[in-house]
Amino acid sequence: MSPIDFSVVIAVHNGERTLKRAIDSILAQTLPPREVIVVDDGSTDASAEIAAGYGAPVRVLRQQNRGAAAARNAGVAAARGNWIAFLDADDYYYPRRLELAAEAVRRFPDADFVTADFDYRDEGGNLLRRSLESTVLGARLLQENSPFVLMESRDFGVFIEDHFGDTHTLTLPRETFLRLGGYPEGFAVCEDVHFLIRLCLASQHAAVVAQPVAAYVIHPNSATRSDSLRAQRQTVAAWRSLKPLLAQASAPLRAGYRRGLARARYNLAVALLRAGSRWEAVQAVLPLLHEAPSLNSLRILASVVKG
């Protein structure tokens, strides 16, 4: 096995308030990365200057505002490491995040990628919940009582439906990322799930670090919270765009895709109901009768019709 050489990519747009914390958390790793690549996505604040102030090993790339997906893609394209990890400017790593990912790769050399547990925290640093124990698959993996678990392809359907990993806990070979074409640049949200599903389609095994390795910070200005209705529309569009790819997928992946799409449509309907658009909410879930025919889809439709 080739030595594990990490490049960590941070996409930032007007993140001067939290960027230093993010970079410091990478530089404090027990296993230092080869480089940190900060891609400034058209910021109008001091984000680029803050990153540039670190000097090596922090590299700063600048681009016009094109979104987080384009920024991450640019960072990976410029990376020199053979393994890639990501971090958003408002989140942060725990000290052993990279060390544990490297250990997972050593324990499971057949793993196509690594994912991991993380904590949800508020802006004050208070723990809200743990990701792994919040999902059905994650809770099952925790029952193995091991810090490292190998996830088989038969689990990927449940994983994509309700994944416990996130962008900042994903670790994968740079060549895999490039081969898959990176993050889709047409979506303001859900680009991470879009990529994760495509990654699972191309994989057989995934290593799981079954302990929190990073913090996901909940704040009201995130893309999903500042305009919930727009975010839910984008999420449904992202899931729908994947339908042709799932046509030849394994049965577990197809089933997970249908359940995930049903959830996305239901969440859109809820957002529309809250906005007072009841008929549009019904229209949002009606396609489930042919996209994901099941008793659950009928229940979703009935609940939305009732408001």
Protein backbone atom coordinates (compact mmCIF):
# COMPACT_ATOMS: atom_id res chain seq x y z
CA MET A 1 0.00 0.00 0.00
CA SER A 2 1.26 3.48 -0.88
CA PRO A 3 1.84 5.87 2.02
CA ILE A 4 -1.26 7.86 2.95
CA ASP A 5 -0.65 11.48 2.05
CA PHE A 6 -3.53 13.83 2.92
CA SER A 7 -4.60 17.00 1.18
CA VAL A 8 -7.37 18.77 3.11
CA VAL A 9 -9.63 21.06 1.07
CA ILE A 10 -11.58 23.93 2.64
CA ALA A 11 -14.17 25.75 0.55
CA VAL A 12 -14.93 29.19 2.00
CA HIS A 13 -17.24 32.04 1.07
CA ASN A 14 -17.27 34.97 3.51
CA GLY A 15 -16.19 32.75 6.38
CA GLU A 16 -13.81 35.09 8.17
CA ARG A 17 -15.58 34.55 11.49
CA THR A 18 -14.84 30.81 11.69
CA LEU A 19 -12.12 30.08 9.12
CA LYS A 20 -9.24 30.40 11.56
CA ARG A 21 -10.80 27.79 13.84
CA ALA A 22 -11.18 25.42 10.89
CA ILE A 23 -7.58 25.83 9.70
CA ASP A 24 -6.19 25.60 13.24
CA SER A 25 -8.06 22.31 13.75
CA ILE A 26 -6.31 20.85 10.70
CA LEU A 27 -2.86 22.09 11.64
CA ALA A 28 -3.32 20.60 15.12
CA GLN A 29 -3.85 17.06 13.77
CA THR A 30 -1.91 14.24 15.40
CA LEU A 31 -1.21 13.09 11.82
CA PRO A 32 -0.38 16.30 9.93
CA PRO A 33 -1.61 16.60 6.34
CA ARG A 34 0.71 17.21 3.44
CA GLU A 35 -1.14 20.45 2.73
CA VAL A 36 -4.23 22.49 3.44
CA ILE A 37 -5.87 24.00 0.36
CA VAL A 38 -8.23 26.90 1.05
CA VAL A 39 -10.37 27.77 -1.97
CA ASP A 40 -11.78 31.26 -1.58
CA ASP A 41 -15.08 31.21 -3.47
CA GLY A 42 -15.43 34.91 -4.29
CA SER A 43 -15.43 36.15 -0.68
CA THR A 44 -15.90 39.86 -0.06
CA ASP A 45 -14.57 39.67 3.49
CA ALA A 46 -11.10 38.85 4.84
CA SER A 47 -11.29 35.08 4.34
CA ALA A 48 -8.51 34.90 1.73
CA GLU A 49 -6.24 37.16 3.76
CA ILE A 50 -6.74 35.07 6.91
CA ALA A 51 -5.79 31.89 5.04
CA ALA A 52 -2.83 33.52 3.31
CA GLY A 53 -1.50 34.68 6.68
CA TYR A 54 -0.63 31.09 7.62
CA GLY A 55 1.94 30.63 4.86
CA ALA A 56 2.99 27.03 4.09
CA PRO A 57 1.51 24.42 4.33
CA VAL A 58 -1.69 26.40 3.67
CA ARG A 59 -2.25 27.12 -0.02
CA VAL A 60 -4.85 29.66 -1.09
CA LEU A 61 -6.73 29.47 -4.39
CA ARG A 62 -9.15 32.20 -5.45
CA GLN A 63 -12.10 31.98 -7.82
CA GLN A 64 -15.24 33.91 -8.63
CA ASN A 65 -18.24 32.87 -6.59
CA ARG A 66 -19.35 29.57 -8.11
CA GLY A 67 -20.46 27.63 -5.04
CA ALA A 68 -19.01 25.10 -2.62
CA ALA A 69 -19.04 22.23 -5.14
CA ALA A 70 -16.91 24.14 -7.66
CA ALA A 71 -14.57 25.29 -4.90
CA ARG A 72 -14.02 21.75 -3.62
CA ASN A 73 -13.47 20.48 -7.15
CA ALA A 74 -10.85 23.16 -7.76
CA GLY A 75 -9.11 22.25 -4.52
CA VAL A 76 -8.91 18.56 -5.39
CA ALA A 77 -7.68 19.36 -8.90
CA ALA A 78 -4.77 21.30 -7.36
CA ALA A 79 -4.06 18.77 -4.59
CA ARG A 80 -0.72 16.99 -4.32
CA GLY A 81 -1.79 14.35 -1.79
CA ASN A 82 -3.05 10.93 -2.81
CA TRP A 83 -5.93 11.00 -0.28
CA ILE A 84 -8.45 13.81 0.07
CA ALA A 85 -10.35 15.08 3.09
CA PHE A 86 -12.72 18.05 3.25
CA LEU A 87 -13.72 20.65 5.80
CA ASP A 88 -16.18 23.53 5.56
CA ALA A 89 -15.08 26.85 7.02
CA ASP A 90 -17.72 26.82 9.77
CA ASP A 91 -16.92 23.31 11.03
CA TYR A 92 -13.81 21.86 12.64
CA TYR A 93 -11.85 18.64 13.11
CA TYR A 94 -11.06 16.88 16.34
CA PRO A 95 -7.30 16.26 16.77
CA ARG A 96 -7.26 12.61 15.62
CA ARG A 97 -9.52 12.97 12.57
CA LEU A 98 -6.81 12.24 9.96
CA GLU A 99 -4.97 9.71 12.12
CA LEU A 100 -8.13 7.65 12.57
CA ALA A 101 -8.95 7.81 8.86
CA ALA A 102 -5.44 6.55 8.04
CA GLU A 103 -5.80 3.74 10.57
CA ALA A 104 -9.12 2.73 8.99
CA VAL A 105 -7.42 2.48 5.59
CA ARG A 106 -4.63 0.34 7.05
CA ARG A 107 -7.10 -1.99 8.77
CA PHE A 108 -9.32 -2.32 5.71
CA PRO A 109 -7.10 -1.95 2.62
CA ASP A 110 -9.98 -3.06 0.38
CA ALA A 111 -12.15 -0.12 1.47
CA ASP A 112 -12.95 2.23 -1.40
CA PHE A 113 -13.51 5.19 0.92
CA VAL A 114 -13.73 6.10 4.60
CA THR A 115 -16.59 7.75 6.45
CA ALA A 116 -16.92 8.53 10.12
CA ASP A 117 -19.05 9.62 13.02
CA PHE A 118 -19.31 13.28 14.00
CA ASP A 119 -21.00 15.54 16.54
CA TYR A 120 -23.66 18.15 15.91
CA ARG A 121 -22.85 21.25 17.96
CA ASP A 122 -24.38 24.69 18.32
CA GLU A 123 -22.44 27.90 17.82
CA GLY A 124 -21.51 27.91 21.50
CA GLY A 125 -19.86 24.50 21.18
CA ASN A 126 -22.58 22.66 23.07
CA LEU A 127 -23.17 19.06 21.99
CA LEU A 128 -26.59 18.57 20.39
CA ARG A 129 -26.37 14.97 19.25
CA ARG A 130 -24.07 12.36 17.77
CA SER A 131 -24.54 11.46 14.13
CA LEU A 132 -23.88 7.70 14.17
CA GLU A 133 -26.39 6.92 16.88
CA SER A 134 -29.03 9.04 15.13
CA THR A 135 -29.50 6.66 12.18
CA VAL A 136 -30.68 3.07 11.96
CA LEU A 137 -27.53 1.80 10.22
CA GLY A 138 -25.23 3.83 12.46
CA ALA A 139 -26.85 2.49 15.62
CA ARG A 140 -26.45 -1.04 14.28
CA LEU A 141 -22.76 -0.50 13.53
CA LEU A 142 -22.22 0.82 17.05
CA GLN A 143 -23.45 -2.51 18.39
CA GLU A 144 -20.27 -4.11 17.02
CA ASN A 145 -18.38 -2.28 19.78
CA SER A 146 -15.39 -1.61 17.56
CA PRO A 147 -13.74 1.73 16.74
CA PHE A 148 -13.44 0.62 13.11
CA VAL A 149 -16.09 -1.21 11.08
CA LEU A 150 -16.18 -2.38 7.48
CA MET A 151 -19.43 -1.48 5.70
CA GLU A 152 -20.40 -3.83 2.88
CA SER A 153 -22.10 -2.82 -0.35
CA ARG A 154 -25.33 -4.44 0.83
CA ASP A 155 -25.48 -1.69 3.47
CA PHE A 156 -25.11 1.16 0.99
CA GLY A 157 -28.83 1.40 0.26
CA VAL A 158 -29.63 2.16 3.90
CA PHE A 159 -26.56 4.40 4.06
CA ILE A 160 -27.56 6.67 1.18
CA GLU A 161 -31.12 6.91 2.45
CA ASP A 162 -30.05 8.25 5.84
CA HIS A 163 -26.29 8.68 5.91
CA PHE A 164 -24.46 9.30 9.17
CA GLY A 165 -21.29 10.61 7.50
CA ASP A 166 -20.85 14.09 6.08
CA THR A 167 -18.49 16.04 3.83
CA HIS A 168 -16.09 16.76 6.67
CA THR A 169 -15.80 13.08 7.60
CA LEU A 170 -15.40 11.73 4.06
CA THR A 171 -11.94 10.50 3.08
CA LEU A 172 -11.17 9.01 -0.32
CA PRO A 173 -8.39 8.57 -2.88
CA ARG A 174 -7.85 11.63 -5.06
CA GLU A 175 -7.98 9.46 -8.20
CA THR A 176 -11.43 8.15 -7.20
CA PHE A 177 -12.77 11.67 -6.75
CA LEU A 178 -11.43 12.74 -10.14
CA ARG A 179 -12.71 9.60 -11.88
CA LEU A 180 -16.23 10.26 -10.59
CA GLY A 181 -16.13 13.87 -11.77
CA GLY A 182 -16.26 15.47 -8.34
CA TYR A 183 -19.20 17.34 -6.87
CA PRO A 184 -22.05 18.41 -9.18
CA GLU A 185 -21.92 22.18 -9.66
CA GLY A 186 -25.59 22.72 -10.50
CA PHE A 187 -26.96 22.46 -6.96
CA ALA A 188 -26.71 24.95 -4.11
CA VAL A 189 -27.43 22.19 -1.57
CA CYS A 190 -27.38 18.37 -1.57
CA GLU A 191 -24.26 18.24 -3.78
CA ASP A 192 -22.64 16.17 -1.04
CA VAL A 193 -25.39 13.53 -1.06
CA HIS A 194 -25.31 13.50 -4.88
CA PHE A 195 -21.60 12.70 -4.81
CA LEU A 196 -21.96 10.18 -1.97
CA ILE A 197 -24.57 8.19 -3.90
CA ARG A 198 -22.34 8.11 -6.99
CA LEU A 199 -19.42 7.06 -4.81
CA CYS A 200 -21.44 4.19 -3.33
CA LEU A 201 -22.48 3.10 -6.83
CA ALA A 202 -18.80 2.77 -7.73
CA SER A 203 -17.72 1.06 -4.48
CA GLN A 204 -17.80 -2.33 -2.81
CA HIS A 205 -16.63 -1.54 0.72
CA ALA A 206 -16.35 1.45 3.01
CA ALA A 207 -14.43 1.79 6.24
CA VAL A 208 -16.28 3.45 9.12
CA VAL A 209 -14.59 5.23 12.02
CA ALA A 210 -17.18 4.59 14.71
CA GLN A 211 -16.29 7.54 16.90
CA PRO A 212 -16.78 11.28 16.39
CA VAL A 213 -13.88 12.84 14.49
CA ALA A 214 -15.27 16.34 13.80
CA ALA A 215 -17.95 18.86 14.69
CA TYR A 216 -20.75 20.01 12.41
CA VAL A 217 -21.85 23.41 13.63
CA ILE A 218 -25.56 24.23 13.39
CA HIS A 219 -26.22 27.89 12.67
CA PRO A 220 -29.21 29.82 11.25
CA ASN A 221 -27.35 31.21 8.22
CA SER A 222 -26.64 27.85 6.57
CA ALA A 223 -27.99 27.26 3.07
CA THR A 224 -30.57 24.76 4.31
CA ARG A 225 -31.89 27.00 7.10
CA SER A 226 -31.81 30.48 5.59
CA ASP A 227 -34.20 29.46 2.77
CA SER A 228 -35.70 26.10 3.67
CA LEU A 229 -38.13 25.96 0.75
CA ARG A 230 -35.43 26.61 -1.86
CA ALA A 231 -33.16 24.07 -0.17
CA GLN A 232 -35.85 21.38 -0.29
CA ARG A 233 -36.56 22.06 -3.96
CA GLN A 234 -32.86 21.71 -4.72
CA THR A 235 -32.68 18.49 -2.72
CA VAL A 236 -35.52 16.89 -4.71
CA ALA A 237 -33.91 18.03 -7.96
CA ALA A 238 -30.57 16.51 -6.94
CA TRP A 239 -32.16 13.17 -6.04
CA ARG A 240 -34.21 13.08 -9.26
CA SER A 241 -31.13 13.74 -11.40
CA LEU A 242 -29.62 10.48 -10.17
CA LYS A 243 -32.46 8.26 -11.39
CA PRO A 244 -30.74 7.17 -14.66
CA LEU A 245 -27.63 6.10 -12.75
CA LEU A 246 -29.67 3.94 -10.37
CA ALA A 247 -31.39 1.98 -13.16
CA GLN A 248 -28.63 -0.65 -13.22
CA ALA A 249 -27.70 -0.47 -9.54
CA SER A 250 -28.03 -3.31 -7.04
CA ALA A 251 -31.41 -3.95 -5.46
CA PRO A 252 -30.37 -2.52 -2.04
CA LEU A 253 -29.14 0.70 -3.66
CA ARG A 254 -32.28 1.08 -5.75
CA ALA A 255 -34.44 0.55 -2.68
CA GLY A 256 -32.39 3.06 -0.68
CA TYR A 257 -32.67 5.55 -3.50
CA ARG A 258 -36.46 5.23 -3.63
CA ARG A 259 -36.74 5.72 0.14
CA GLY A 260 -34.38 8.69 0.03
CA LEU A 261 -36.32 10.32 -2.79
CA ALA A 262 -39.57 9.75 -0.89
CA ARG A 263 -38.09 11.48 2.15
CA ALA A 264 -36.86 14.39 0.05
CA ARG A 265 -40.29 14.86 -1.54
CA TYR A 266 -42.00 14.64 1.84
CA ASN A 267 -39.68 17.29 3.31
CA LEU A 268 -40.43 19.55 0.34
CA ALA A 269 -44.16 19.04 0.88
CA VAL A 270 -43.81 19.96 4.56
CA ALA A 271 -41.98 23.16 3.62
CA LEU A 272 -44.71 24.00 1.11
CA LEU A 273 -47.46 23.35 3.66
CA ARG A 274 -45.74 25.68 6.08
CA ALA A 275 -45.64 28.29 3.31
CA GLY A 276 -49.40 27.87 2.78
CA SER A 277 -49.10 26.11 -0.60
CA ARG A 278 -51.20 23.03 0.05
CA TRP A 279 -51.95 22.08 -3.57
CA GLU A 280 -48.30 22.48 -4.56
CA ALA A 281 -47.40 20.28 -1.58
CA VAL A 282 -49.67 17.53 -2.92
CA GLN A 283 -48.07 17.90 -6.36
CA ALA A 284 -44.64 17.53 -4.75
CA VAL A 285 -45.39 14.03 -3.42
CA LEU A 286 -47.80 12.78 -6.12
CA PRO A 287 -44.93 11.53 -8.38
CA LEU A 288 -43.99 9.03 -5.67
CA LEU A 289 -46.84 6.81 -6.84
CA HIS A 290 -44.76 5.91 -9.90
CA GLU A 291 -41.24 6.86 -8.72
CA ALA A 292 -41.39 4.82 -5.52
CA PRO A 293 -44.63 2.82 -5.42
CA SER A 294 -45.14 1.51 -1.90
CA LEU A 295 -47.47 1.65 1.08
CA ASN A 296 -45.17 4.28 2.57
CA SER A 297 -45.65 6.53 -0.48
CA LEU A 298 -49.42 6.22 -0.13
CA ARG A 299 -49.12 7.19 3.53
CA ILE A 300 -47.01 10.20 2.60
CA LEU A 301 -49.55 11.32 0.00
CA ALA A 302 -52.45 10.86 2.42
CA SER A 303 -50.74 12.84 5.16
CA VAL A 304 -49.97 15.72 2.81
CA VAL A 305 -53.51 15.76 1.44
CA LYS A 306 -54.74 16.05 5.02
CA GLY A 307 -52.31 18.93 5.55
